[in-house]
């Protein structure tokens, strides 16, 4: 299928699909006319990528964990190092949440001081 059809069937813009390809997350072959062509399994791949992006993972991390993802939710086959990668991402999220809490507290304090 061409990029327009993949875009329509997944609800993901052609621009995003080209970005996923550039990041090594999605594979396309080139037709003789130069157009990108995708296999049917690209539908599931795009859905996995979107789910992993919603989980807050960067495309760099997704590139590492995508080979272990199965299903569209996705679930995982616990490949080597996958637990360590995801544990590290969770710890990073926890640190960012705590930093946001501190920033929120500081901002709230400024507003309270103003009266």
PDB file of N, CA and C in Angstrom:
ATOM      1  N   UNK A   1       0.849  -1.175   0.000  1.00  0.00           N
ATOM      2  CA  UNK A   1       0.000   0.000   0.000  1.00  0.00           C
ATOM      3  C   UNK A   1       0.889   1.231   0.000  1.00  0.00           C
ATOM      4  N   UNK A   2       0.375   2.299  -0.577  1.00  0.00           N
ATOM      5  CA  UNK A   2       1.119   3.549  -0.621  1.00  0.00           C
ATOM      6  C   UNK A   2       0.939   4.317   0.681  1.00  0.00           C
ATOM      7  N   UNK A   3       1.754   5.332   0.869  1.00  0.00           N
ATOM      8  CA  UNK A   3       1.768   6.078   2.125  1.00  0.00           C
ATOM      9  C   UNK A   3       0.409   6.717   2.426  1.00  0.00           C
ATOM     10  N   UNK A   4      -0.283   7.183   1.409  1.00  0.00           N
ATOM     11  CA  UNK A   4      -1.593   7.794   1.623  1.00  0.00           C
ATOM     12  C   UNK A   4      -2.591   6.813   2.191  1.00  0.00           C
ATOM     13  N   UNK A   5      -2.574   5.594   1.694  1.00  0.00           N
ATOM     14  CA  UNK A   5      -3.492   4.573   2.209  1.00  0.00           C
ATOM     15  C   UNK A   5      -3.118   4.184   3.638  1.00  0.00           C
ATOM     16  N   UNK A   6      -1.832   4.023   3.912  1.00  0.00           N
ATOM     17  CA  UNK A   6      -1.402   3.711   5.273  1.00  0.00           C
ATOM     18  C   UNK A   6      -1.818   4.830   6.221  1.00  0.00           C
ATOM     19  N   UNK A   7      -1.662   6.049   5.777  1.00  0.00           N
ATOM     20  CA  UNK A   7      -2.077   7.197   6.576  1.00  0.00           C
ATOM     21  C   UNK A   7      -3.583   7.145   6.857  1.00  0.00           C
ATOM     22  N   UNK A   8      -4.356   6.905   5.823  1.00  0.00           N
ATOM     23  CA  UNK A   8      -5.814   6.848   5.982  1.00  0.00           C
ATOM     24  C   UNK A   8      -6.243   5.708   6.905  1.00  0.00           C
ATOM     25  N   UNK A   9      -5.632   4.548   6.752  1.00  0.00           N
ATOM     26  CA  UNK A   9      -6.031   3.369   7.533  1.00  0.00           C
ATOM     27  C   UNK A   9      -5.583   3.429   8.990  1.00  0.00           C
ATOM     28  N   UNK A  10      -4.538   4.198   9.271  1.00  0.00           N
ATOM     29  CA  UNK A  10      -4.042   4.293  10.651  1.00  0.00           C
ATOM     30  C   UNK A  10      -4.423   5.602  11.326  1.00  0.00           C
ATOM     31  N   UNK A  11      -4.801   6.603  10.538  1.00  0.00           N
ATOM     32  CA  UNK A  11      -5.083   7.918  11.109  1.00  0.00           C
ATOM     33  C   UNK A  11      -3.830   8.693  11.459  1.00  0.00           C
ATOM     34  N   UNK A  12      -2.701   8.280  10.926  1.00  0.00           N
ATOM     35  CA  UNK A  12      -1.408   8.918  11.188  1.00  0.00           C
ATOM     36  C   UNK A  12      -1.008   9.676   9.921  1.00  0.00           C
ATOM     37  N   UNK A  13      -0.555  10.893  10.079  1.00  0.00           N
ATOM     38  CA  UNK A  13      -0.211  11.707   8.912  1.00  0.00           C
ATOM     39  C   UNK A  13       0.942  11.086   8.122  1.00  0.00           C
ATOM     40  N   UNK A  14       0.952  11.374   6.828  1.00  0.00           N
ATOM     41  CA  UNK A  14       2.049  10.905   5.976  1.00  0.00           C
ATOM     42  C   UNK A  14       3.381  11.465   6.477  1.00  0.00           C
ATOM     43  N   UNK A  15       3.345  12.687   6.975  1.00  0.00           N
ATOM     44  CA  UNK A  15       4.572  13.300   7.515  1.00  0.00           C
ATOM     45  C   UNK A  15       5.112  12.472   8.686  1.00  0.00           C
ATOM     46  N   UNK A  16       4.212  12.057   9.590  1.00  0.00           N
ATOM     47  CA  UNK A  16       4.645  11.224  10.719  1.00  0.00           C
ATOM     48  C   UNK A  16       5.167   9.878  10.245  1.00  0.00           C
ATOM     49  N   UNK A  17       4.523   9.301   9.250  1.00  0.00           N
ATOM     50  CA  UNK A  17       4.990   8.009   8.728  1.00  0.00           C
ATOM     51  C   UNK A  17       6.389   8.137   8.132  1.00  0.00           C
ATOM     52  N   UNK A  18       6.634   9.227   7.406  1.00  0.00           N
ATOM     53  CA  UNK A  18       7.985   9.447   6.876  1.00  0.00           C
ATOM     54  C   UNK A  18       8.984   9.631   8.017  1.00  0.00           C
ATOM     55  N   UNK A  19       8.566  10.324   9.077  1.00  0.00           N
ATOM     56  CA  UNK A  19       9.435  10.500  10.247  1.00  0.00           C
ATOM     57  C   UNK A  19       9.743   9.144  10.881  1.00  0.00           C
ATOM     58  N   UNK A  20       8.730   8.295  11.054  1.00  0.00           N
ATOM     59  CA  UNK A  20       8.964   6.971  11.640  1.00  0.00           C
ATOM     60  C   UNK A  20       9.966   6.195  10.785  1.00  0.00           C
ATOM     61  N   UNK A  21       9.842   6.313   9.494  1.00  0.00           N
ATOM     62  CA  UNK A  21      10.769   5.630   8.601  1.00  0.00           C
ATOM     63  C   UNK A  21      12.183   6.180   8.781  1.00  0.00           C
ATOM     64  N   UNK A  22      12.307   7.499   8.850  1.00  0.00           N
ATOM     65  CA  UNK A  22      13.625   8.123   9.028  1.00  0.00           C
ATOM     66  C   UNK A  22      14.263   7.723  10.355  1.00  0.00           C
ATOM     67  N   UNK A  23      13.433   7.464  11.371  1.00  0.00           N
ATOM     68  CA  UNK A  23      13.933   7.066  12.680  1.00  0.00           C
ATOM     69  C   UNK A  23      14.217   5.573  12.772  1.00  0.00           C
ATOM     70  N   UNK A  24      13.979   4.841  11.698  1.00  0.00           N
ATOM     71  CA  UNK A  24      14.239   3.404  11.684  1.00  0.00           C
ATOM     72  C   UNK A  24      13.159   2.587  12.354  1.00  0.00           C
ATOM     73  N   UNK A  25      11.957   3.143  12.487  1.00  0.00           N
ATOM     74  CA  UNK A  25      10.853   2.444  13.146  1.00  0.00           C
ATOM     75  C   UNK A  25       9.936   1.729  12.160  1.00  0.00           C
ATOM     76  N   UNK A  26       9.952   2.143  10.928  1.00  0.00           N
ATOM     77  CA  UNK A  26       9.023   1.646   9.923  1.00  0.00           C
ATOM     78  C   UNK A  26       9.798   1.455   8.632  1.00  0.00           C
ATOM     79  N   UNK A  27       9.495   0.370   7.935  1.00  0.00           N
ATOM     80  CA  UNK A  27      10.204   0.090   6.689  1.00  0.00           C
ATOM     81  C   UNK A  27       9.267   0.220   5.504  1.00  0.00           C
ATOM     82  N   UNK A  28       9.773   0.824   4.455  1.00  0.00           N
ATOM     83  CA  UNK A  28       9.054   0.925   3.195  1.00  0.00           C
ATOM     84  C   UNK A  28      10.007   0.522   2.082  1.00  0.00           C
ATOM     85  N   UNK A  29       9.456  -0.038   1.079  1.00  0.00           N
ATOM     86  CA  UNK A  29      10.261  -0.293  -0.113  1.00  0.00           C
ATOM     87  C   UNK A  29       9.890   0.785  -1.128  1.00  0.00           C
ATOM     88  N   UNK A  30      10.747   1.035  -2.050  1.00  0.00           N
ATOM     89  CA  UNK A  30      10.497   2.038  -3.081  1.00  0.00           C
ATOM     90  C   UNK A  30      10.042   1.347  -4.367  1.00  0.00           C
ATOM     91  N   UNK A  31       8.944   1.831  -4.889  1.00  0.00           N
ATOM     92  CA  UNK A  31       8.448   1.348  -6.168  1.00  0.00           C
ATOM     93  C   UNK A  31       9.349   1.921  -7.271  1.00  0.00           C
ATOM     94  N   UNK A  32       9.201   1.451  -8.479  1.00  0.00           N
ATOM     95  CA  UNK A  32      10.022   1.955  -9.588  1.00  0.00           C
ATOM     96  C   UNK A  32       9.786   3.437  -9.833  1.00  0.00           C
ATOM     97  N   UNK A  33       8.605   3.933  -9.467  1.00  0.00           N
ATOM     98  CA  UNK A  33       8.303   5.358  -9.629  1.00  0.00           C
ATOM     99  C   UNK A  33       8.809   6.196  -8.452  1.00  0.00           C
ATOM    100  N   UNK A  34       9.449   5.543  -7.464  1.00  0.00           N
ATOM    101  CA  UNK A  34      10.003   6.247  -6.314  1.00  0.00           C
ATOM    102  C   UNK A  34       9.054   6.362  -5.135  1.00  0.00           C
ATOM    103  N   UNK A  35       7.798   5.942  -5.306  1.00  0.00           N
ATOM    104  CA  UNK A  35       6.829   6.023  -4.217  1.00  0.00           C
ATOM    105  C   UNK A  35       7.145   4.989  -3.143  1.00  0.00           C
ATOM    106  N   UNK A  36       6.848   5.354  -1.905  1.00  0.00           N
ATOM    107  CA  UNK A  36       6.989   4.405  -0.805  1.00  0.00           C
ATOM    108  C   UNK A  36       5.845   3.402  -0.874  1.00  0.00           C
ATOM    109  N   UNK A  37       6.167   2.133  -0.615  1.00  0.00           N
ATOM    110  CA  UNK A  37       5.146   1.086  -0.559  1.00  0.00           C
ATOM    111  C   UNK A  37       5.350   0.307   0.734  1.00  0.00           C
ATOM    112  N   UNK A  38       4.252   0.031   1.405  1.00  0.00           N
ATOM    113  CA  UNK A  38       4.283  -0.648   2.699  1.00  0.00           C
ATOM    114  C   UNK A  38       3.536  -1.971   2.609  1.00  0.00           C
ATOM    115  N   UNK A  39       4.004  -2.953   3.360  1.00  0.00           N
ATOM    116  CA  UNK A  39       3.309  -4.231   3.472  1.00  0.00           C
ATOM    117  C   UNK A  39       2.163  -4.091   4.468  1.00  0.00           C
ATOM    118  N   UNK A  40       1.263  -5.044   4.475  1.00  0.00           N
ATOM    119  CA  UNK A  40       0.119  -5.031   5.389  1.00  0.00           C
ATOM    120  C   UNK A  40       0.551  -4.978   6.847  1.00  0.00           C
ATOM    121  N   UNK A  41       1.698  -5.583   7.179  1.00  0.00           N
ATOM    122  CA  UNK A  41       2.147  -5.591   8.575  1.00  0.00           C
ATOM    123  C   UNK A  41       2.541  -4.198   9.066  1.00  0.00           C
ATOM    124  N   UNK A  42       2.662  -3.244   8.149  1.00  0.00           N
ATOM    125  CA  UNK A  42       2.958  -1.865   8.553  1.00  0.00           C
ATOM    126  C   UNK A  42       1.816  -1.285   9.384  1.00  0.00           C
ATOM    127  N   UNK A  43       0.585  -1.741   9.143  1.00  0.00           N
ATOM    128  CA  UNK A  43      -0.554  -1.268   9.938  1.00  0.00           C
ATOM    129  C   UNK A  43      -0.333  -1.555  11.422  1.00  0.00           C
ATOM    130  N   UNK A  44       0.029  -2.793  11.730  1.00  0.00           N
ATOM    131  CA  UNK A  44       0.272  -3.166  13.126  1.00  0.00           C
ATOM    132  C   UNK A  44       1.496  -2.440  13.669  1.00  0.00           C
ATOM    133  N   UNK A  45       2.518  -2.283  12.856  1.00  0.00           N
ATOM    134  CA  UNK A  45       3.727  -1.581  13.309  1.00  0.00           C
ATOM    135  C   UNK A  45       3.414  -0.144  13.693  1.00  0.00           C
ATOM    136  N   UNK A  46       2.633   0.545  12.870  1.00  0.00           N
ATOM    137  CA  UNK A  46       2.283   1.936  13.170  1.00  0.00           C
ATOM    138  C   UNK A  46       1.472   1.999  14.456  1.00  0.00           C
ATOM    139  N   UNK A  47       0.556   1.085  14.642  1.00  0.00           N
ATOM    140  CA  UNK A  47      -0.256   1.081  15.872  1.00  0.00           C
ATOM    141  C   UNK A  47       0.606   0.829  17.097  1.00  0.00           C
ATOM    142  N   UNK A  48       1.598  -0.042  16.979  1.00  0.00           N
ATOM    143  CA  UNK A  48       2.528  -0.280  18.088  1.00  0.00           C
ATOM    144  C   UNK A  48       3.338   0.979  18.392  1.00  0.00           C
ATOM    145  N   UNK A  49       3.835   1.610  17.340  1.00  0.00           N
ATOM    146  CA  UNK A  49       4.626   2.832  17.513  1.00  0.00           C
ATOM    147  C   UNK A  49       3.797   3.884  18.226  1.00  0.00           C
ATOM    148  N   UNK A  50       2.555   4.070  17.804  1.00  0.00           N
ATOM    149  CA  UNK A  50       1.685   5.073  18.412  1.00  0.00           C
ATOM    150  C   UNK A  50       1.427   4.752  19.890  1.00  0.00           C
ATOM    151  N   UNK A  51       1.206   3.491  20.202  1.00  0.00           N
ATOM    152  CA  UNK A  51       0.966   3.093  21.593  1.00  0.00           C
ATOM    153  C   UNK A  51       2.203   3.368  22.445  1.00  0.00           C
ATOM    154  N   UNK A  52       3.367   3.087  21.912  1.00  0.00           N
ATOM    155  CA  UNK A  52       4.605   3.319  22.656  1.00  0.00           C
ATOM    156  C   UNK A  52       4.880   4.813  22.811  1.00  0.00           C
ATOM    157  N   UNK A  53       4.548   5.599  21.802  1.00  0.00           N
ATOM    158  CA  UNK A  53       4.677   7.056  21.934  1.00  0.00           C
ATOM    159  C   UNK A  53       3.731   7.577  23.016  1.00  0.00           C
ATOM    160  N   UNK A  54       2.505   7.061  23.063  1.00  0.00           N
ATOM    161  CA  UNK A  54       1.550   7.475  24.107  1.00  0.00           C
ATOM    162  C   UNK A  54       2.045   7.117  25.504  1.00  0.00           C
ATOM    163  N   UNK A  55       2.858   6.065  25.586  1.00  0.00           N
ATOM    164  CA  UNK A  55       3.434   5.662  26.873  1.00  0.00           C
ATOM    165  C   UNK A  55       4.599   6.563  27.266  1.00  0.00           C
ATOM    166  N   UNK A  56       4.934   7.523  26.402  1.00  0.00           N
ATOM    167  CA  UNK A  56       5.982   8.482  26.731  1.00  0.00           C
ATOM    168  C   UNK A  56       7.374   8.083  26.302  1.00  0.00           C
ATOM    169  N   UNK A  57       7.479   7.041  25.500  1.00  0.00           N
ATOM    170  CA  UNK A  57       8.796   6.601  25.059  1.00  0.00           C
ATOM    171  C   UNK A  57       9.266   7.432  23.872  1.00  0.00           C
ATOM    172  N   UNK A  58      10.546   7.705  23.822  1.00  0.00           N
ATOM    173  CA  UNK A  58      11.140   8.423  22.688  1.00  0.00           C
ATOM    174  C   UNK A  58      11.287   7.457  21.511  1.00  0.00           C
ATOM    175  N   UNK A  59      11.462   8.020  20.327  1.00  0.00           N
ATOM    176  CA  UNK A  59      11.650   7.152  19.165  1.00  0.00           C
ATOM    177  C   UNK A  59      12.938   6.337  19.293  1.00  0.00           C
ATOM    178  N   UNK A  60      13.916   6.876  19.974  1.00  0.00           N
ATOM    179  CA  UNK A  60      15.160   6.126  20.191  1.00  0.00           C
ATOM    180  C   UNK A  60      14.895   4.875  21.032  1.00  0.00           C
ATOM    181  N   UNK A  61      14.121   5.025  22.091  1.00  0.00           N
ATOM    182  CA  UNK A  61      13.782   3.879  22.938  1.00  0.00           C
ATOM    183  C   UNK A  61      12.854   2.936  22.184  1.00  0.00           C
ATOM    184  N   UNK A  62      11.905   3.487  21.448  1.00  0.00           N
ATOM    185  CA  UNK A  62      10.981   2.644  20.683  1.00  0.00           C
ATOM    186  C   UNK A  62      11.753   1.782  19.699  1.00  0.00           C
ATOM    187  N   UNK A  63      12.768   2.336  19.064  1.00  0.00           N
ATOM    188  CA  UNK A  63      13.594   1.558  18.134  1.00  0.00           C
ATOM    189  C   UNK A  63      14.201   0.353  18.843  1.00  0.00           C
ATOM    190  N   UNK A  64      14.550   0.508  20.119  1.00  0.00           N
ATOM    191  CA  UNK A  64      15.151  -0.597  20.877  1.00  0.00           C
ATOM    192  C   UNK A  64      14.107  -1.638  21.283  1.00  0.00           C
ATOM    193  N   UNK A  65      12.902  -1.192  21.649  1.00  0.00           N
ATOM    194  CA  UNK A  65      11.915  -2.130  22.196  1.00  0.00           C
ATOM    195  C   UNK A  65      10.932  -2.660  21.155  1.00  0.00           C
ATOM    196  N   UNK A  66      10.815  -2.007  20.014  1.00  0.00           N
ATOM    197  CA  UNK A  66       9.842  -2.415  19.003  1.00  0.00           C
ATOM    198  C   UNK A  66       9.992  -3.874  18.557  1.00  0.00           C
ATOM    199  N   UNK A  67      11.213  -4.380  18.405  1.00  0.00           N
ATOM    200  CA  UNK A  67      11.323  -5.792  18.010  1.00  0.00           C
ATOM    201  C   UNK A  67      10.730  -6.754  19.044  1.00  0.00           C
ATOM    202  N   UNK A  68      10.574  -6.312  20.274  1.00  0.00           N
ATOM    203  CA  UNK A  68      10.022  -7.161  21.329  1.00  0.00           C
ATOM    204  C   UNK A  68       8.513  -6.979  21.498  1.00  0.00           C
ATOM    205  N   UNK A  69       7.946  -5.960  20.843  1.00  0.00           N
ATOM    206  CA  UNK A  69       6.518  -5.661  20.991  1.00  0.00           C
ATOM    207  C   UNK A  69       5.699  -6.639  20.161  1.00  0.00           C
ATOM    208  N   UNK A  70       4.593  -7.089  20.757  1.00  0.00           N
ATOM    209  CA  UNK A  70       3.664  -7.954  20.024  1.00  0.00           C
ATOM    210  C   UNK A  70       2.253  -7.449  20.287  1.00  0.00           C
ATOM    211  N   UNK A  71       1.414  -7.583  19.328  1.00  0.00           N
ATOM    212  CA  UNK A  71       0.052  -7.083  19.463  1.00  0.00           C
ATOM    213  C   UNK A  71       0.033  -5.566  19.360  1.00  0.00           C
ATOM    214  N   UNK A  72      -1.162  -5.015  19.288  1.00  0.00           N
ATOM    215  CA  UNK A  72      -1.280  -3.578  19.090  1.00  0.00           C
ATOM    216  C   UNK A  72      -1.369  -2.801  20.390  1.00  0.00           C
ATOM    217  N   UNK A  73      -1.436  -3.452  21.537  1.00  0.00           N
ATOM    218  CA  UNK A  73      -1.553  -2.736  22.809  1.00  0.00           C
ATOM    219  C   UNK A  73      -0.274  -2.009  23.192  1.00  0.00           C
ATOM    220  N   UNK A  74       0.903  -2.358  23.046  1.00  0.00           N
ATOM    221  CA  UNK A  74       1.384  -3.710  22.755  1.00  0.00           C
ATOM    222  C   UNK A  74       1.758  -4.447  24.035  1.00  0.00           C
ATOM    223  N   UNK A  75       1.880  -5.741  23.913  1.00  0.00           N
ATOM    224  CA  UNK A  75       2.485  -6.553  24.955  1.00  0.00           C
ATOM    225  C   UNK A  75       3.930  -6.791  24.532  1.00  0.00           C
ATOM    226  N   UNK A  76       4.664  -7.503  25.339  1.00  0.00           N
ATOM    227  CA  UNK A  76       6.077  -7.710  25.005  1.00  0.00           C
ATOM    228  C   UNK A  76       6.485  -9.158  25.151  1.00  0.00           C
ATOM    229  N   UNK A  77       7.382  -9.568  24.269  1.00  0.00           N
ATOM    230  CA  UNK A  77       8.187 -10.756  24.484  1.00  0.00           C
ATOM    231  C   UNK A  77       9.385 -10.196  25.229  1.00  0.00           C
ATOM    232  N   UNK A  78       9.699 -10.735  26.366  1.00  0.00           N
ATOM    233  CA  UNK A  78      10.726 -10.126  27.218  1.00  0.00           C
ATOM    234  C   UNK A  78      12.112 -10.427  26.690  1.00  0.00           C
ATOM    235  N   UNK A  79      12.490  -9.665  25.679  1.00  0.00           N
ATOM    236  CA  UNK A  79      13.812  -9.761  25.071  1.00  0.00           C
ATOM    237  C   UNK A  79      14.877  -9.322  26.078  1.00  0.00           C
ATOM    238  N   UNK A  80      16.117  -9.684  25.757  1.00  0.00           N
ATOM    239  CA  UNK A  80      17.239  -9.299  26.605  1.00  0.00           C
ATOM    240  C   UNK A  80      17.282  -7.784  26.764  1.00  0.00           C
ATOM    241  N   UNK A  81      17.490  -7.330  27.973  1.00  0.00           N
ATOM    242  CA  UNK A  81      17.624  -5.915  28.326  1.00  0.00           C
ATOM    243  C   UNK A  81      16.320  -5.112  28.285  1.00  0.00           C
ATOM    244  N   UNK A  82      15.217  -5.721  27.857  1.00  0.00           N
ATOM    245  CA  UNK A  82      13.965  -4.968  27.755  1.00  0.00           C
ATOM    246  C   UNK A  82      13.511  -4.454  29.116  1.00  0.00           C
ATOM    247  N   UNK A  83      13.565  -5.289  30.141  1.00  0.00           N
ATOM    248  CA  UNK A  83      13.152  -4.879  31.488  1.00  0.00           C
ATOM    249  C   UNK A  83      13.991  -3.684  31.954  1.00  0.00           C
ATOM    250  N   UNK A  84      15.292  -3.746  31.749  1.00  0.00           N
ATOM    251  CA  UNK A  84      16.177  -2.654  32.180  1.00  0.00           C
ATOM    252  C   UNK A  84      15.859  -1.362  31.434  1.00  0.00           C
ATOM    253  N   UNK A  85      15.574  -1.458  30.140  1.00  0.00           N
ATOM    254  CA  UNK A  85      15.239  -0.272  29.352  1.00  0.00           C
ATOM    255  C   UNK A  85      13.957   0.359  29.872  1.00  0.00           C
ATOM    256  N   UNK A  86      12.920  -0.442  30.052  1.00  0.00           N
ATOM    257  CA  UNK A  86      11.630   0.087  30.510  1.00  0.00           C
ATOM    258  C   UNK A  86      11.695   0.567  31.955  1.00  0.00           C
ATOM    259  N   UNK A  87      12.444  -0.127  32.817  1.00  0.00           N
ATOM    260  CA  UNK A  87      12.624   0.349  34.194  1.00  0.00           C
ATOM    261  C   UNK A  87      13.319   1.709  34.205  1.00  0.00           C
ATOM    262  N   UNK A  88      14.304   1.886  33.335  1.00  0.00           N
ATOM    263  CA  UNK A  88      15.004   3.168  33.239  1.00  0.00           C
ATOM    264  C   UNK A  88      14.080   4.277  32.768  1.00  0.00           C
ATOM    265  N   UNK A  89      13.235   3.983  31.809  1.00  0.00           N
ATOM    266  CA  UNK A  89      12.273   4.975  31.317  1.00  0.00           C
ATOM    267  C   UNK A  89      11.273   5.352  32.407  1.00  0.00           C
ATOM    268  N   UNK A  90      10.830   4.362  33.174  1.00  0.00           N
ATOM    269  CA  UNK A  90       9.892   4.631  34.270  1.00  0.00           C
ATOM    270  C   UNK A  90      10.549   5.504  35.336  1.00  0.00           C
ATOM    271  N   UNK A  91      11.792   5.222  35.656  1.00  0.00           N
ATOM    272  CA  UNK A  91      12.517   6.041  36.637  1.00  0.00           C
ATOM    273  C   UNK A  91      12.676   7.477  36.135  1.00  0.00           C
ATOM    274  N   UNK A  92      12.960   7.640  34.846  1.00  0.00           N
ATOM    275  CA  UNK A  92      13.068   8.987  34.267  1.00  0.00           C
ATOM    276  C   UNK A  92      11.737   9.730  34.366  1.00  0.00           C
ATOM    277  N   UNK A  93      10.641   9.047  34.081  1.00  0.00           N
ATOM    278  CA  UNK A  93       9.324   9.672  34.203  1.00  0.00           C
ATOM    279  C   UNK A  93       9.043  10.097  35.642  1.00  0.00           C
ATOM    280  N   UNK A  94       9.376   9.230  36.593  1.00  0.00           N
ATOM    281  CA  UNK A  94       9.169   9.565  38.001  1.00  0.00           C
ATOM    282  C   UNK A  94       9.962  10.814  38.391  1.00  0.00           C
ATOM    283  N   UNK A  95      11.194  10.925  37.897  1.00  0.00           N
ATOM    284  CA  UNK A  95      12.011  12.110  38.181  1.00  0.00           C
ATOM    285  C   UNK A  95      11.385  13.363  37.580  1.00  0.00           C
ATOM    286  N   UNK A  96      10.885  13.265  36.362  1.00  0.00           N
ATOM    287  CA  UNK A  96      10.250  14.427  35.723  1.00  0.00           C
ATOM    288  C   UNK A  96       8.969  14.831  36.445  1.00  0.00           C
ATOM    289  N   UNK A  97       8.202  13.834  36.900  1.00  0.00           N
ATOM    290  CA  UNK A  97       6.979  14.129  37.658  1.00  0.00           C
ATOM    291  C   UNK A  97       7.328  14.872  38.937  1.00  0.00           C
ATOM    292  N   UNK A  98       8.354  14.414  39.620  1.00  0.00           N
ATOM    293  CA  UNK A  98       8.760  15.074  40.868  1.00  0.00           C
ATOM    294  C   UNK A  98       9.240  16.494  40.601  1.00  0.00           C
ATOM    295  N   UNK A  99       9.990  16.697  39.527  1.00  0.00           N
ATOM    296  CA  UNK A  99      10.442  18.040  39.169  1.00  0.00           C
ATOM    297  C   UNK A  99       9.255  18.939  38.855  1.00  0.00           C
ATOM    298  N   UNK A 100       8.255  18.419  38.185  1.00  0.00           N
ATOM    299  CA  UNK A 100       7.046  19.192  37.897  1.00  0.00           C
ATOM    300  C   UNK A 100       6.286  19.533  39.183  1.00  0.00           C
ATOM    301  N   UNK A 101       6.255  18.603  40.120  1.00  0.00           N
ATOM    302  CA  UNK A 101       5.599  18.884  41.412  1.00  0.00           C
ATOM    303  C   UNK A 101       6.303  20.036  42.140  1.00  0.00           C
ATOM    304  N   UNK A 102       7.635  19.996  42.126  1.00  0.00           N
ATOM    305  CA  UNK A 102       8.390  21.075  42.766  1.00  0.00           C
ATOM    306  C   UNK A 102       8.125  22.408  42.078  1.00  0.00           C
ATOM    307  N   UNK A 103       8.137  22.403  40.747  1.00  0.00           N
ATOM    308  CA  UNK A 103       7.861  23.631  39.991  1.00  0.00           C
ATOM    309  C   UNK A 103       6.458  24.133  40.269  1.00  0.00           C
ATOM    310  N   UNK A 104       5.508  23.238  40.331  1.00  0.00           N
ATOM    311  CA  UNK A 104       4.133  23.628  40.618  1.00  0.00           C
ATOM    312  C   UNK A 104       4.030  24.253  42.004  1.00  0.00           C
ATOM    313  N   UNK A 105       4.693  23.645  42.972  1.00  0.00           N
ATOM    314  CA  UNK A 105       4.686  24.188  44.327  1.00  0.00           C
ATOM    315  C   UNK A 105       5.297  25.584  44.385  1.00  0.00           C
ATOM    316  N   UNK A 106       6.393  25.769  43.665  1.00  0.00           N
ATOM    317  CA  UNK A 106       7.046  27.075  43.656  1.00  0.00           C
ATOM    318  C   UNK A 106       6.137  28.122  43.006  1.00  0.00           C
ATOM    319  N   UNK A 107       5.497  27.757  41.906  1.00  0.00           N
ATOM    320  CA  UNK A 107       4.602  28.677  41.222  1.00  0.00           C
ATOM    321  C   UNK A 107       3.377  29.004  42.100  1.00  0.00           C
ATOM    322  N   UNK A 108       2.828  27.997  42.731  1.00  0.00           N
ATOM    323  CA  UNK A 108       1.679  28.218  43.619  1.00  0.00           C
ATOM    324  C   UNK A 108       2.076  29.143  44.772  1.00  0.00           C
ATOM    325  N   UNK A 109       3.302  28.954  45.271  1.00  0.00           N
ATOM    326  CA  UNK A 109       3.794  29.824  46.331  1.00  0.00           C
ATOM    327  C   UNK A 109       3.897  31.268  45.881  1.00  0.00           C
ATOM    328  N   UNK A 110       4.338  31.486  44.659  1.00  0.00           N
ATOM    329  CA  UNK A 110       4.403  32.839  44.124  1.00  0.00           C
ATOM    330  C   UNK A 110       3.009  33.479  44.017  1.00  0.00           C
ATOM    331  N   UNK A 111       2.070  32.696  43.592  1.00  0.00           N
ATOM    332  CA  UNK A 111       0.705  33.215  43.456  1.00  0.00           C
ATOM    333  C   UNK A 111       0.085  33.523  44.816  1.00  0.00           C
ATOM    334  N   UNK A 112       0.363  32.673  45.786  1.00  0.00           N
ATOM    335  CA  UNK A 112      -0.171  32.909  47.135  1.00  0.00           C
ATOM    336  C   UNK A 112       0.472  34.163  47.742  1.00  0.00           C
ATOM    337  N   UNK A 113       1.755  34.374  47.506  1.00  0.00           N
ATOM    338  CA  UNK A 113       2.453  35.531  48.075  1.00  0.00           C
ATOM    339  C   UNK A 113       1.915  36.826  47.475  1.00  0.00           C
ATOM    340  N   UNK A 114       1.431  36.765  46.264  1.00  0.00           N
ATOM    341  CA  UNK A 114       0.906  37.962  45.606  1.00  0.00           C
ATOM    342  C   UNK A 114      -0.451  38.340  46.178  1.00  0.00           C
ATOM    343  N   UNK A 115      -1.170  37.350  46.663  1.00  0.00           N
ATOM    344  CA  UNK A 115      -2.451  37.623  47.326  1.00  0.00           C
ATOM    345  C   UNK A 115      -3.530  37.679  46.404  1.00  0.00           C
TER     346      UNK A 115
END
